Amino acid sequence: MEYTLNDTDFLVSQTDAKGKILFANEDFCKIAGYTLEELMGQPHNIVRHPDMPHAAFKDLWDTVKSGKVWKGYVKNKTKNGGFYWVFATVYPNIACGEGEGGYMSCRRKASATEIKKAEALYKTMR
């Protein structure tokens, strides 16, 4: 079952250098269906939907590990087995923890047109 974000929803999460969740805002918790306590310390791929091609996340990680900002469309899964689409901006090297780098992701609603384009692109990446 698809969850469609509201125009005002803004999902934020922060991870350590290995992708473990250090912070998630209220919108992220609500839409993904997890409490903050359930998310803390979990790998961010806890919300990765199996429809997402491996190549999309390889591009994301290659980009942010090189110190650049990544932007793209992501289909995520919810705790109850549903899904939602977002436009994500992932920032590298956010200071956190013991001074090691990490990542911050900010996500907003993706439009129906954007989702259709992303689905078409991702079908070519399988």
N, C-alpha and C. Protein backbone atom coordinates (compact mmCIF):
# COMPACT_ATOMS: atom_id res chain seq x y z
N MET A 1 0.84 -1.17 0.00
CA MET A 1 0.00 0.00 0.00
C MET A 1 0.89 1.24 0.00
N GLU A 2 0.59 2.15 -0.92
CA GLU A 2 1.40 3.35 -1.05
C GLU A 2 0.94 4.43 -0.07
N TYR A 3 1.92 5.04 0.57
CA TYR A 3 1.68 6.22 1.40
C TYR A 3 2.16 7.42 0.60
N THR A 4 1.29 8.40 0.42
CA THR A 4 1.66 9.61 -0.29
C THR A 4 1.95 10.71 0.72
N LEU A 5 3.13 11.25 0.64
CA LEU A 5 3.50 12.32 1.56
C LEU A 5 2.65 13.55 1.34
N ASN A 6 2.48 14.33 2.39
CA ASN A 6 1.86 15.65 2.28
C ASN A 6 2.91 16.63 1.76
N ASP A 7 2.44 17.73 1.20
CA ASP A 7 3.37 18.73 0.67
C ASP A 7 4.28 19.29 1.75
N THR A 8 3.83 19.26 3.00
CA THR A 8 4.62 19.84 4.10
C THR A 8 5.50 18.82 4.81
N ASP A 9 5.41 17.54 4.45
CA ASP A 9 6.26 16.53 5.09
C ASP A 9 7.72 16.76 4.69
N PHE A 10 8.60 16.64 5.66
CA PHE A 10 10.03 16.82 5.42
C PHE A 10 10.76 15.83 6.31
N LEU A 11 11.31 14.80 5.71
CA LEU A 11 11.95 13.71 6.45
C LEU A 11 13.44 13.97 6.55
N VAL A 12 13.95 13.87 7.77
CA VAL A 12 15.37 14.09 8.02
C VAL A 12 15.93 12.93 8.82
N SER A 13 17.11 12.46 8.41
CA SER A 13 17.80 11.46 9.21
C SER A 13 19.29 11.71 9.11
N GLN A 14 19.99 11.27 10.15
CA GLN A 14 21.44 11.40 10.19
C GLN A 14 22.01 10.03 10.53
N THR A 15 23.11 9.68 9.84
CA THR A 15 23.76 8.40 10.12
C THR A 15 25.24 8.61 10.41
N ASP A 16 25.82 7.58 10.98
CA ASP A 16 27.27 7.60 11.14
C ASP A 16 27.90 7.21 9.80
N ALA A 17 29.21 7.09 9.78
CA ALA A 17 29.93 6.79 8.53
C ALA A 17 29.56 5.42 7.95
N LYS A 18 29.05 4.52 8.78
CA LYS A 18 28.68 3.18 8.32
C LYS A 18 27.20 3.07 7.96
N GLY A 19 26.46 4.18 8.06
CA GLY A 19 25.05 4.17 7.68
C GLY A 19 24.09 3.80 8.80
N LYS A 20 24.56 3.76 10.03
CA LYS A 20 23.66 3.46 11.17
C LYS A 20 22.98 4.75 11.61
N ILE A 21 21.70 4.66 11.86
CA ILE A 21 20.89 5.83 12.18
C ILE A 21 21.24 6.39 13.55
N LEU A 22 21.55 7.70 13.58
CA LEU A 22 21.82 8.44 14.82
C LEU A 22 20.67 9.34 15.19
N PHE A 23 19.90 9.76 14.18
CA PHE A 23 18.79 10.69 14.40
C PHE A 23 17.77 10.51 13.29
N ALA A 24 16.51 10.64 13.64
CA ALA A 24 15.41 10.66 12.66
C ALA A 24 14.35 11.61 13.20
N ASN A 25 13.86 12.50 12.34
CA ASN A 25 12.86 13.44 12.83
C ASN A 25 11.47 12.80 12.88
N GLU A 26 10.52 13.55 13.41
CA GLU A 26 9.18 13.04 13.63
C GLU A 26 8.51 12.61 12.32
N ASP A 27 8.67 13.39 11.25
CA ASP A 27 8.05 13.02 9.96
C ASP A 27 8.60 11.69 9.46
N PHE A 28 9.91 11.49 9.55
CA PHE A 28 10.50 10.23 9.10
C PHE A 28 9.93 9.06 9.90
N CYS A 29 9.89 9.20 11.21
CA CYS A 29 9.37 8.12 12.05
C CYS A 29 7.91 7.81 11.71
N LYS A 30 7.10 8.86 11.60
CA LYS A 30 5.67 8.70 11.32
C LYS A 30 5.44 7.99 9.99
N ILE A 31 6.11 8.44 8.94
CA ILE A 31 5.85 7.90 7.61
C ILE A 31 6.43 6.50 7.46
N ALA A 32 7.62 6.25 8.00
CA ALA A 32 8.21 4.91 7.93
C ALA A 32 7.53 3.93 8.88
N GLY A 33 6.84 4.45 9.90
CA GLY A 33 6.10 3.58 10.81
C GLY A 33 6.90 3.04 11.98
N TYR A 34 8.05 3.65 12.25
CA TYR A 34 8.90 3.23 13.36
C TYR A 34 8.95 4.31 14.43
N THR A 35 9.22 3.90 15.66
CA THR A 35 9.52 4.88 16.69
C THR A 35 10.99 5.26 16.56
N LEU A 36 11.36 6.37 17.13
CA LEU A 36 12.76 6.78 17.11
C LEU A 36 13.63 5.71 17.77
N GLU A 37 13.13 5.14 18.85
CA GLU A 37 13.89 4.10 19.57
C GLU A 37 14.13 2.88 18.68
N GLU A 38 13.16 2.52 17.85
CA GLU A 38 13.33 1.38 16.95
C GLU A 38 14.36 1.67 15.86
N LEU A 39 14.48 2.92 15.45
CA LEU A 39 15.39 3.29 14.37
C LEU A 39 16.83 3.52 14.83
N MET A 40 17.00 4.02 16.03
CA MET A 40 18.34 4.37 16.53
C MET A 40 19.27 3.16 16.47
N GLY A 41 20.42 3.34 15.81
CA GLY A 41 21.42 2.28 15.73
C GLY A 41 21.19 1.28 14.62
N GLN A 42 20.05 1.36 13.95
CA GLN A 42 19.76 0.45 12.85
C GLN A 42 20.41 0.95 11.56
N PRO A 43 20.74 0.05 10.64
CA PRO A 43 21.23 0.51 9.35
C PRO A 43 20.11 1.24 8.61
N HIS A 44 20.47 2.32 7.90
CA HIS A 44 19.45 3.11 7.22
C HIS A 44 18.70 2.28 6.19
N ASN A 45 19.31 1.21 5.72
CA ASN A 45 18.62 0.39 4.72
C ASN A 45 17.45 -0.41 5.31
N ILE A 46 17.13 -0.16 6.57
CA ILE A 46 15.93 -0.74 7.17
C ILE A 46 14.69 -0.31 6.39
N VAL A 47 14.78 0.84 5.71
CA VAL A 47 13.65 1.34 4.92
C VAL A 47 13.86 1.14 3.41
N ARG A 48 14.91 0.44 3.01
CA ARG A 48 15.16 0.23 1.58
C ARG A 48 14.12 -0.70 0.99
N HIS A 49 13.49 -0.26 -0.06
CA HIS A 49 12.49 -1.09 -0.74
C HIS A 49 13.19 -2.00 -1.75
N PRO A 50 12.76 -3.26 -1.85
CA PRO A 50 13.42 -4.19 -2.76
C PRO A 50 13.30 -3.80 -4.24
N ASP A 51 12.37 -2.91 -4.58
CA ASP A 51 12.25 -2.46 -5.98
C ASP A 51 13.38 -1.52 -6.39
N MET A 52 14.09 -0.96 -5.41
CA MET A 52 15.17 -0.02 -5.74
C MET A 52 16.36 -0.79 -6.30
N PRO A 53 16.87 -0.37 -7.46
CA PRO A 53 18.01 -1.08 -8.03
C PRO A 53 19.29 -0.84 -7.24
N HIS A 54 20.10 -1.86 -7.17
CA HIS A 54 21.39 -1.76 -6.48
C HIS A 54 22.22 -0.60 -7.02
N ALA A 55 22.16 -0.39 -8.33
CA ALA A 55 22.97 0.65 -8.97
C ALA A 55 22.63 2.05 -8.46
N ALA A 56 21.38 2.27 -8.08
CA ALA A 56 20.99 3.59 -7.56
C ALA A 56 21.71 3.87 -6.25
N PHE A 57 21.77 2.88 -5.38
CA PHE A 57 22.44 3.08 -4.10
C PHE A 57 23.95 3.07 -4.23
N LYS A 58 24.46 2.34 -5.21
CA LYS A 58 25.91 2.41 -5.46
C LYS A 58 26.28 3.82 -5.86
N ASP A 59 25.46 4.44 -6.73
CA ASP A 59 25.71 5.82 -7.15
C ASP A 59 25.63 6.77 -5.95
N LEU A 60 24.62 6.58 -5.10
CA LEU A 60 24.47 7.41 -3.91
C LEU A 60 25.73 7.32 -3.04
N TRP A 61 26.12 6.10 -2.70
CA TRP A 61 27.28 5.93 -1.80
C TRP A 61 28.58 6.39 -2.44
N ASP A 62 28.77 6.11 -3.72
CA ASP A 62 29.98 6.59 -4.40
C ASP A 62 30.05 8.11 -4.37
N THR A 63 28.90 8.75 -4.55
CA THR A 63 28.84 10.21 -4.58
C THR A 63 29.16 10.81 -3.22
N VAL A 64 28.46 10.36 -2.18
CA VAL A 64 28.66 10.99 -0.86
C VAL A 64 30.00 10.62 -0.25
N LYS A 65 30.50 9.43 -0.53
CA LYS A 65 31.82 9.07 0.00
C LYS A 65 32.94 9.88 -0.65
N SER A 66 32.65 10.43 -1.84
CA SER A 66 33.64 11.29 -2.50
C SER A 66 33.51 12.75 -2.07
N GLY A 67 32.59 13.01 -1.11
CA GLY A 67 32.44 14.36 -0.58
C GLY A 67 31.42 15.22 -1.31
N LYS A 68 30.67 14.63 -2.22
CA LYS A 68 29.69 15.39 -2.99
C LYS A 68 28.27 15.11 -2.48
N VAL A 69 27.36 16.02 -2.79
CA VAL A 69 25.95 15.87 -2.43
C VAL A 69 25.25 15.04 -3.50
N TRP A 70 24.43 14.09 -3.07
CA TRP A 70 23.64 13.26 -3.99
C TRP A 70 22.19 13.67 -3.93
N LYS A 71 21.54 13.72 -5.08
CA LYS A 71 20.10 14.00 -5.15
C LYS A 71 19.45 12.97 -6.04
N GLY A 72 18.30 12.48 -5.62
CA GLY A 72 17.59 11.52 -6.45
C GLY A 72 16.29 11.06 -5.82
N TYR A 73 15.59 10.23 -6.55
CA TYR A 73 14.29 9.72 -6.12
C TYR A 73 14.46 8.33 -5.52
N VAL A 74 13.79 8.11 -4.40
CA VAL A 74 13.95 6.85 -3.69
C VAL A 74 12.59 6.32 -3.28
N LYS A 75 12.40 5.03 -3.53
CA LYS A 75 11.23 4.32 -3.05
C LYS A 75 11.64 3.60 -1.78
N ASN A 76 11.00 3.93 -0.68
CA ASN A 76 11.30 3.32 0.61
C ASN A 76 10.14 2.47 1.07
N LYS A 77 10.43 1.53 1.95
CA LYS A 77 9.36 0.69 2.50
C LYS A 77 9.05 1.14 3.92
N THR A 78 7.82 0.88 4.32
CA THR A 78 7.39 1.18 5.68
C THR A 78 7.47 -0.09 6.53
N LYS A 79 7.39 0.09 7.81
CA LYS A 79 7.47 -1.04 8.74
C LYS A 79 6.36 -2.07 8.46
N ASN A 80 5.17 -1.57 8.05
CA ASN A 80 4.04 -2.48 7.84
C ASN A 80 3.99 -3.06 6.43
N GLY A 81 5.05 -2.85 5.63
CA GLY A 81 5.12 -3.44 4.30
C GLY A 81 4.64 -2.53 3.18
N GLY A 82 4.23 -1.33 3.49
CA GLY A 82 3.85 -0.37 2.46
C GLY A 82 5.09 0.30 1.87
N PHE A 83 4.85 1.36 1.11
CA PHE A 83 5.98 2.09 0.52
C PHE A 83 5.62 3.56 0.33
N TYR A 84 6.65 4.35 0.13
CA TYR A 84 6.48 5.77 -0.17
C TYR A 84 7.66 6.24 -0.99
N TRP A 85 7.42 7.24 -1.84
CA TRP A 85 8.45 7.82 -2.68
C TRP A 85 8.87 9.17 -2.13
N VAL A 86 10.15 9.48 -2.24
CA VAL A 86 10.67 10.77 -1.82
C VAL A 86 11.71 11.27 -2.82
N PHE A 87 11.92 12.58 -2.82
CA PHE A 87 13.07 13.17 -3.47
C PHE A 87 14.07 13.41 -2.35
N ALA A 88 15.22 12.79 -2.43
CA ALA A 88 16.21 12.83 -1.36
C ALA A 88 17.43 13.66 -1.75
N THR A 89 17.94 14.38 -0.77
CA THR A 89 19.22 15.06 -0.89
C THR A 89 20.08 14.54 0.25
N VAL A 90 21.20 13.93 -0.09
CA VAL A 90 22.07 13.31 0.92
C VAL A 90 23.38 14.09 0.97
N TYR A 91 23.70 14.56 2.17
CA TYR A 91 24.89 15.38 2.40
C TYR A 91 25.97 14.55 3.07
N PRO A 92 27.21 14.64 2.58
CA PRO A 92 28.31 13.87 3.17
C PRO A 92 28.99 14.61 4.32
N ASN A 93 29.75 13.83 5.09
CA ASN A 93 30.69 14.36 6.07
C ASN A 93 30.08 15.29 7.11
N ILE A 94 28.88 14.98 7.54
CA ILE A 94 28.28 15.74 8.63
C ILE A 94 29.00 15.27 9.91
N ALA A 95 29.56 16.20 10.64
CA ALA A 95 30.28 15.84 11.87
C ALA A 95 29.32 15.18 12.86
N CYS A 96 29.76 14.07 13.40
CA CYS A 96 28.92 13.36 14.38
C CYS A 96 29.78 12.40 15.18
N GLY A 97 29.20 11.87 16.22
CA GLY A 97 29.86 10.84 17.01
C GLY A 97 31.20 11.28 17.54
N GLU A 98 32.19 10.45 17.37
CA GLU A 98 33.54 10.70 17.87
C GLU A 98 34.38 11.48 16.86
N GLY A 99 33.74 12.39 16.13
CA GLY A 99 34.47 13.19 15.16
C GLY A 99 34.57 12.54 13.79
N GLU A 100 34.05 11.31 13.68
CA GLU A 100 34.06 10.67 12.37
C GLU A 100 32.94 11.27 11.54
N GLY A 101 33.06 11.19 10.25
CA GLY A 101 32.03 11.74 9.37
C GLY A 101 30.77 10.90 9.40
N GLY A 102 29.76 11.46 8.82
CA GLY A 102 28.49 10.77 8.70
C GLY A 102 27.72 11.39 7.55
N TYR A 103 26.44 11.13 7.53
CA TYR A 103 25.62 11.59 6.42
C TYR A 103 24.28 12.11 6.95
N MET A 104 23.75 13.09 6.23
CA MET A 104 22.43 13.61 6.56
C MET A 104 21.59 13.55 5.30
N SER A 105 20.38 13.05 5.44
CA SER A 105 19.47 12.95 4.32
C SER A 105 18.22 13.75 4.62
N CYS A 106 17.83 14.61 3.68
CA CYS A 106 16.62 15.41 3.78
C CYS A 106 15.74 15.02 2.61
N ARG A 107 14.46 14.72 2.90
CA ARG A 107 13.59 14.20 1.86
C ARG A 107 12.25 14.92 1.87
N ARG A 108 11.73 15.13 0.65
CA ARG A 108 10.43 15.76 0.47
C ARG A 108 9.57 14.90 -0.43
N LYS A 109 8.32 15.30 -0.56
CA LYS A 109 7.38 14.60 -1.42
C LYS A 109 7.87 14.63 -2.87
N ALA A 110 7.75 13.51 -3.55
CA ALA A 110 8.01 13.43 -4.98
C ALA A 110 6.67 13.50 -5.70
N SER A 111 6.61 14.24 -6.78
CA SER A 111 5.35 14.37 -7.53
C SER A 111 5.09 13.09 -8.33
N ALA A 112 3.86 12.93 -8.77
CA ALA A 112 3.50 11.76 -9.57
C ALA A 112 4.34 11.70 -10.85
N THR A 113 4.58 12.83 -11.47
CA THR A 113 5.41 12.88 -12.68
C THR A 113 6.84 12.45 -12.38
N GLU A 114 7.40 12.95 -11.27
CA GLU A 114 8.76 12.59 -10.89
C GLU A 114 8.86 11.09 -10.60
N ILE A 115 7.86 10.54 -9.95
CA ILE A 115 7.85 9.12 -9.62
C ILE A 115 7.81 8.28 -10.90
N LYS A 116 6.97 8.66 -11.85
CA LYS A 116 6.89 7.91 -13.12
C LYS A 116 8.24 7.90 -13.84
N LYS A 117 8.92 9.05 -13.85
CA LYS A 117 10.23 9.13 -14.50
C LYS A 117 11.25 8.25 -13.78
N ALA A 118 11.22 8.29 -12.45
CA ALA A 118 12.15 7.47 -11.67
C ALA A 118 11.88 5.98 -11.88
N GLU A 119 10.62 5.59 -11.89
CA GLU A 119 10.28 4.18 -12.11
C GLU A 119 10.78 3.71 -13.47
N ALA A 120 10.60 4.54 -14.50
CA ALA A 120 11.05 4.18 -15.84
C ALA A 120 12.57 4.03 -15.87
N LEU A 121 13.27 4.97 -15.25
CA LEU A 121 14.73 4.91 -15.20
C LEU A 121 15.19 3.67 -14.44
N TYR A 122 14.60 3.40 -13.29
CA TYR A 122 15.04 2.30 -12.46
C TYR A 122 14.79 0.94 -13.13
N LYS A 123 13.76 0.85 -14.00
CA LYS A 123 13.53 -0.39 -14.73
C LYS A 123 14.68 -0.69 -15.68
N THR A 124 15.36 0.34 -16.17
CA THR A 124 16.49 0.14 -17.08
C THR A 124 17.76 -0.23 -16.32
N MET A 125 17.75 -0.10 -15.00
CA MET A 125 18.95 -0.34 -14.19
C MET A 125 18.98 -1.73 -13.59
N ARG A 126 18.04 -2.54 -13.87
CA ARG A 126 17.99 -3.88 -13.25
C ARG A 126 19.02 -4.79 -13.84
